[in-house]
Amino acid sequence: MPSAATDVDELKRQFADFLKKKNYRNTQERYRVLDRIAELDKHFSADDLYFYMSGKGDRISRATIYSTLDLLTKCAILMKHRFQGDSAHFELSSRMPDHDHLICVECGHIIEFYEKELEDLQERVCKQFGFKPVKHSWQIFAACPDIAACEFNKQK
């Protein structure tokens, strides 16, 4: 499934509007976090982002990263997932809308997919109960067919 292009300037405008409307401080650090997120092409945790930014020479606190991720989630720029364990993972909402996840319980690899049948099921169930669908999240937890040969297995 191809990912949608990410218009960073549009995301910044959306974020600026949100910050102004909600009376949050408009800081360079928050926009730097958004810039770095737009460079990533995978799901990431707050710690992943912190280490990525540190590796790029950005001097930013973990607290700023956590608070910015929270704000970006509140204004719908980011989607927040809890795949397994305690750590939340994030992704840009605009990069691949309307998709679901297959997560390996052994190595943690995440496969994104889209199935029209799930969209149809969502519509049917909502209609049955008089609801209007807004969004859904479906996660399948499974195991790699051969964990020893898995390229994502960090335990090899």
C-alpha atoms as a PDB file:
ATOM      1  CA  MET A   1       0.000   0.000   0.000  1.00  0.00           C
ATOM      2  CA  PRO A   2       1.660   3.268  -1.042  1.00  0.00           C
ATOM      3  CA  SER A   3       1.913   6.019   1.530  1.00  0.00           C
ATOM      4  CA  ALA A   4       0.499   9.463   0.937  1.00  0.00           C
ATOM      5  CA  ALA A   5       2.875  12.367   0.457  1.00  0.00           C
ATOM      6  CA  THR A   6       3.525  14.419   3.554  1.00  0.00           C
ATOM      7  CA  ASP A   7       3.165  18.183   3.132  1.00  0.00           C
ATOM      8  CA  VAL A   8       5.192  19.436   6.087  1.00  0.00           C
ATOM      9  CA  ASP A   9       4.213  23.066   5.517  1.00  0.00           C
ATOM     10  CA  GLU A  10       0.520  22.134   5.666  1.00  0.00           C
ATOM     11  CA  LEU A  11       1.135  20.137   8.869  1.00  0.00           C
ATOM     12  CA  LYS A  12       2.911  23.144  10.375  1.00  0.00           C
ATOM     13  CA  ARG A  13      -0.045  25.404   9.496  1.00  0.00           C
ATOM     14  CA  GLN A  14      -2.436  22.908  11.072  1.00  0.00           C
ATOM     15  CA  PHE A  15      -0.252  22.705  14.188  1.00  0.00           C
ATOM     16  CA  ALA A  16       0.089  26.512  14.428  1.00  0.00           C
ATOM     17  CA  ASP A  17      -3.689  26.917  14.176  1.00  0.00           C
ATOM     18  CA  PHE A  18      -4.196  24.313  16.907  1.00  0.00           C
ATOM     19  CA  LEU A  19      -1.607  25.901  19.231  1.00  0.00           C
ATOM     20  CA  LYS A  20      -3.134  29.350  18.773  1.00  0.00           C
ATOM     21  CA  LYS A  21      -6.725  28.146  19.237  1.00  0.00           C
ATOM     22  CA  LYS A  22      -5.840  26.225  22.414  1.00  0.00           C
ATOM     23  CA  ASN A  23      -3.487  28.935  23.774  1.00  0.00           C
ATOM     24  CA  TYR A  24      -0.351  26.776  23.778  1.00  0.00           C
ATOM     25  CA  ARG A  25       3.088  28.294  23.325  1.00  0.00           C
ATOM     26  CA  ASN A  26       4.301  28.365  19.729  1.00  0.00           C
ATOM     27  CA  THR A  27       7.971  27.271  19.985  1.00  0.00           C
ATOM     28  CA  GLN A  28      10.747  26.402  17.539  1.00  0.00           C
ATOM     29  CA  GLU A  29      11.359  23.133  19.391  1.00  0.00           C
ATOM     30  CA  ARG A  30       7.829  21.904  18.716  1.00  0.00           C
ATOM     31  CA  TYR A  31       8.212  22.569  14.999  1.00  0.00           C
ATOM     32  CA  ARG A  32      11.631  20.869  15.009  1.00  0.00           C
ATOM     33  CA  VAL A  33       9.979  17.754  16.465  1.00  0.00           C
ATOM     34  CA  LEU A  34       7.386  17.862  13.685  1.00  0.00           C
ATOM     35  CA  ASP A  35      10.121  18.252  11.041  1.00  0.00           C
ATOM     36  CA  ARG A  36      11.953  15.187  12.374  1.00  0.00           C
ATOM     37  CA  ILE A  37       8.757  13.142  12.547  1.00  0.00           C
ATOM     38  CA  ALA A  38       8.106  13.920   8.882  1.00  0.00           C
ATOM     39  CA  GLU A  39      11.522  12.419   8.054  1.00  0.00           C
ATOM     40  CA  LEU A  40      10.561   9.059   9.567  1.00  0.00           C
ATOM     41  CA  ASP A  41       8.797   6.452   7.465  1.00  0.00           C
ATOM     42  CA  LYS A  42       7.827   4.041  10.213  1.00  0.00           C
ATOM     43  CA  HIS A  43       6.044   3.829  13.545  1.00  0.00           C
ATOM     44  CA  PHE A  44       8.114   5.277  16.365  1.00  0.00           C
ATOM     45  CA  SER A  45       8.077   5.645  20.124  1.00  0.00           C
ATOM     46  CA  ALA A  46       8.983   8.802  22.020  1.00  0.00           C
ATOM     47  CA  ASP A  47      12.359   7.253  22.862  1.00  0.00           C
ATOM     48  CA  ASP A  48      12.951   6.312  19.204  1.00  0.00           C
ATOM     49  CA  LEU A  49      12.328   9.941  18.267  1.00  0.00           C
ATOM     50  CA  TYR A  50      14.559  11.231  21.071  1.00  0.00           C
ATOM     51  CA  PHE A  51      17.478   9.039  19.950  1.00  0.00           C
ATOM     52  CA  TYR A  52      16.874   9.917  16.298  1.00  0.00           C
ATOM     53  CA  MET A  53      16.901  13.634  17.055  1.00  0.00           C
ATOM     54  CA  SER A  54      19.957  13.333  19.299  1.00  0.00           C
ATOM     55  CA  GLY A  55      21.751  11.463  16.507  1.00  0.00           C
ATOM     56  CA  LYS A  56      20.937  14.350  14.147  1.00  0.00           C
ATOM     57  CA  GLY A  57      22.497  16.839  16.585  1.00  0.00           C
ATOM     58  CA  ASP A  58      19.236  18.270  17.911  1.00  0.00           C
ATOM     59  CA  ARG A  59      19.421  19.388  21.532  1.00  0.00           C
ATOM     60  CA  ILE A  60      15.958  18.710  22.889  1.00  0.00           C
ATOM     61  CA  SER A  61      14.648  17.305  26.142  1.00  0.00           C
ATOM     62  CA  ARG A  62      12.590  14.162  26.456  1.00  0.00           C
ATOM     63  CA  ALA A  63       9.921  16.254  28.211  1.00  0.00           C
ATOM     64  CA  THR A  64       9.590  18.484  25.140  1.00  0.00           C
ATOM     65  CA  ILE A  65       9.304  15.443  22.893  1.00  0.00           C
ATOM     66  CA  TYR A  66       6.622  13.835  25.081  1.00  0.00           C
ATOM     67  CA  SER A  67       4.594  17.037  25.386  1.00  0.00           C
ATOM     68  CA  THR A  68       4.862  17.754  21.649  1.00  0.00           C
ATOM     69  CA  LEU A  69       3.778  14.202  20.758  1.00  0.00           C
ATOM     70  CA  ASP A  70       0.769  14.690  23.017  1.00  0.00           C
ATOM     71  CA  LEU A  71      -0.154  17.964  21.304  1.00  0.00           C
ATOM     72  CA  LEU A  72       0.353  16.516  17.808  1.00  0.00           C
ATOM     73  CA  THR A  73      -1.940  13.638  18.757  1.00  0.00           C
ATOM     74  CA  LYS A  74      -4.598  15.992  20.146  1.00  0.00           C
ATOM     75  CA  CYS A  75      -4.674  17.973  16.903  1.00  0.00           C
ATOM     76  CA  ALA A  76      -4.861  14.758  14.807  1.00  0.00           C
ATOM     77  CA  ILE A  77      -1.501  15.162  13.056  1.00  0.00           C
ATOM     78  CA  LEU A  78      -0.314  11.973  14.751  1.00  0.00           C
ATOM     79  CA  MET A  79      -2.056   8.697  15.457  1.00  0.00           C
ATOM     80  CA  LYS A  80      -1.139   6.985  18.707  1.00  0.00           C
ATOM     81  CA  HIS A  81      -1.106   3.179  18.958  1.00  0.00           C
ATOM     82  CA  ARG A  82      -0.503   0.722  21.760  1.00  0.00           C
ATOM     83  CA  PHE A  83       0.622  -2.369  19.885  1.00  0.00           C
ATOM     84  CA  GLN A  84       2.062  -4.331  22.786  1.00  0.00           C
ATOM     85  CA  GLY A  85       3.829  -3.529  26.004  1.00  0.00           C
ATOM     86  CA  ASP A  86       3.737  -0.186  27.765  1.00  0.00           C
ATOM     87  CA  SER A  87       5.267   2.028  25.084  1.00  0.00           C
ATOM     88  CA  ALA A  88       3.023   3.989  22.730  1.00  0.00           C
ATOM     89  CA  HIS A  89       3.920   4.203  19.056  1.00  0.00           C
ATOM     90  CA  PHE A  90       3.053   7.024  16.723  1.00  0.00           C
ATOM     91  CA  GLU A  91       2.661   7.666  13.001  1.00  0.00           C
ATOM     92  CA  LEU A  92       1.629  10.615  10.860  1.00  0.00           C
ATOM     93  CA  SER A  93      -2.116  10.474  10.252  1.00  0.00           C
ATOM     94  CA  SER A  94      -1.735  11.794   6.713  1.00  0.00           C
ATOM     95  CA  ARG A  95       0.899   9.313   5.603  1.00  0.00           C
ATOM     96  CA  MET A  96      -1.362   6.279   5.259  1.00  0.00           C
ATOM     97  CA  PRO A  97      -4.981   6.894   6.238  1.00  0.00           C
ATOM     98  CA  ASP A  98      -7.467   4.041   6.722  1.00  0.00           C
ATOM     99  CA  HIS A  99      -5.142   1.151   7.369  1.00  0.00           C
ATOM    100  CA  ASP A 100      -4.676  -1.588   9.937  1.00  0.00           C
ATOM    101  CA  HIS A 101      -1.746  -3.408  11.499  1.00  0.00           C
ATOM    102  CA  LEU A 102      -0.300  -6.909  11.707  1.00  0.00           C
ATOM    103  CA  ILE A 103       2.201  -7.097  14.586  1.00  0.00           C
ATOM    104  CA  CYS A 104       4.650  -9.918  15.222  1.00  0.00           C
ATOM    105  CA  VAL A 105       4.613 -10.865  18.915  1.00  0.00           C
ATOM    106  CA  GLU A 106       8.125 -12.302  18.572  1.00  0.00           C
ATOM    107  CA  CYS A 107      10.144  -9.555  16.855  1.00  0.00           C
ATOM    108  CA  GLY A 108       7.751  -6.584  16.970  1.00  0.00           C
ATOM    109  CA  HIS A 109       7.739  -6.023  13.194  1.00  0.00           C
ATOM    110  CA  ILE A 110       4.639  -4.122  12.043  1.00  0.00           C
ATOM    111  CA  ILE A 111       3.003  -4.636   8.669  1.00  0.00           C
ATOM    112  CA  GLU A 112       0.451  -2.066   7.529  1.00  0.00           C
ATOM    113  CA  PHE A 113      -2.403  -3.231   5.330  1.00  0.00           C
ATOM    114  CA  TYR A 114      -5.756  -2.174   3.940  1.00  0.00           C
ATOM    115  CA  GLU A 115      -8.712  -4.521   3.449  1.00  0.00           C
ATOM    116  CA  LYS A 116     -11.877  -3.222   1.820  1.00  0.00           C
ATOM    117  CA  GLU A 117     -13.859  -5.938   3.623  1.00  0.00           C
ATOM    118  CA  LEU A 118     -12.996  -4.335   6.995  1.00  0.00           C
ATOM    119  CA  GLU A 119     -14.295  -0.983   5.780  1.00  0.00           C
ATOM    120  CA  ASP A 120     -17.479  -2.696   4.573  1.00  0.00           C
ATOM    121  CA  LEU A 121     -17.875  -4.482   7.923  1.00  0.00           C
ATOM    122  CA  GLN A 122     -17.442  -1.194   9.777  1.00  0.00           C
ATOM    123  CA  GLU A 123     -20.168   0.393   7.634  1.00  0.00           C
ATOM    124  CA  ARG A 124     -22.526  -2.562   8.106  1.00  0.00           C
ATOM    125  CA  VAL A 125     -22.128  -2.745  11.898  1.00  0.00           C
ATOM    126  CA  CYS A 126     -22.552   1.021  12.328  1.00  0.00           C
ATOM    127  CA  LYS A 127     -25.629   1.039  10.117  1.00  0.00           C
ATOM    128  CA  GLN A 128     -27.111  -1.902  12.042  1.00  0.00           C
ATOM    129  CA  PHE A 129     -26.913   0.066  15.296  1.00  0.00           C
ATOM    130  CA  GLY A 130     -27.694   3.496  13.857  1.00  0.00           C
ATOM    131  CA  PHE A 131     -24.183   4.894  14.148  1.00  0.00           C
ATOM    132  CA  LYS A 132     -22.011   6.825  11.723  1.00  0.00           C
ATOM    133  CA  PRO A 133     -18.452   5.430  11.437  1.00  0.00           C
ATOM    134  CA  VAL A 134     -15.679   7.871  12.290  1.00  0.00           C
ATOM    135  CA  LYS A 135     -12.594   5.653  12.387  1.00  0.00           C
ATOM    136  CA  HIS A 136     -11.491   2.203  13.415  1.00  0.00           C
ATOM    137  CA  SER A 137      -8.337   0.463  14.535  1.00  0.00           C
ATOM    138  CA  TRP A 138      -7.750  -3.194  13.934  1.00  0.00           C
ATOM    139  CA  GLN A 139      -4.617  -4.950  15.125  1.00  0.00           C
ATOM    140  CA  ILE A 140      -3.690  -8.563  14.512  1.00  0.00           C
ATOM    141  CA  PHE A 141      -1.071 -10.045  16.813  1.00  0.00           C
ATOM    142  CA  ALA A 142       0.690 -13.017  15.227  1.00  0.00           C
ATOM    143  CA  ALA A 143       4.088 -14.704  15.056  1.00  0.00           C
ATOM    144  CA  CYS A 144       6.597 -14.737  12.205  1.00  0.00           C
ATOM    145  CA  PRO A 145       6.615 -18.045  10.309  1.00  0.00           C
ATOM    146  CA  ASP A 146      10.311 -18.595  11.167  1.00  0.00           C
ATOM    147  CA  ILE A 147      11.556 -16.318  13.957  1.00  0.00           C
ATOM    148  CA  ALA A 148      15.114 -17.652  13.651  1.00  0.00           C
ATOM    149  CA  ALA A 149      15.284 -16.505  10.012  1.00  0.00           C
ATOM    150  CA  CYS A 150      13.300 -13.286  10.534  1.00  0.00           C
ATOM    151  CA  GLU A 151      15.229 -10.212   9.339  1.00  0.00           C
ATOM    152  CA  PHE A 152      13.557  -8.119  12.064  1.00  0.00           C
ATOM    153  CA  ASN A 153      14.516 -10.437  14.955  1.00  0.00           C
ATOM    154  CA  LYS A 154      16.901  -8.422  17.107  1.00  0.00           C
ATOM    155  CA  GLN A 155      17.738 -11.489  19.221  1.00  0.00           C
ATOM    156  CA  LYS A 156      19.727 -13.268  16.460  1.00  0.00           C
END
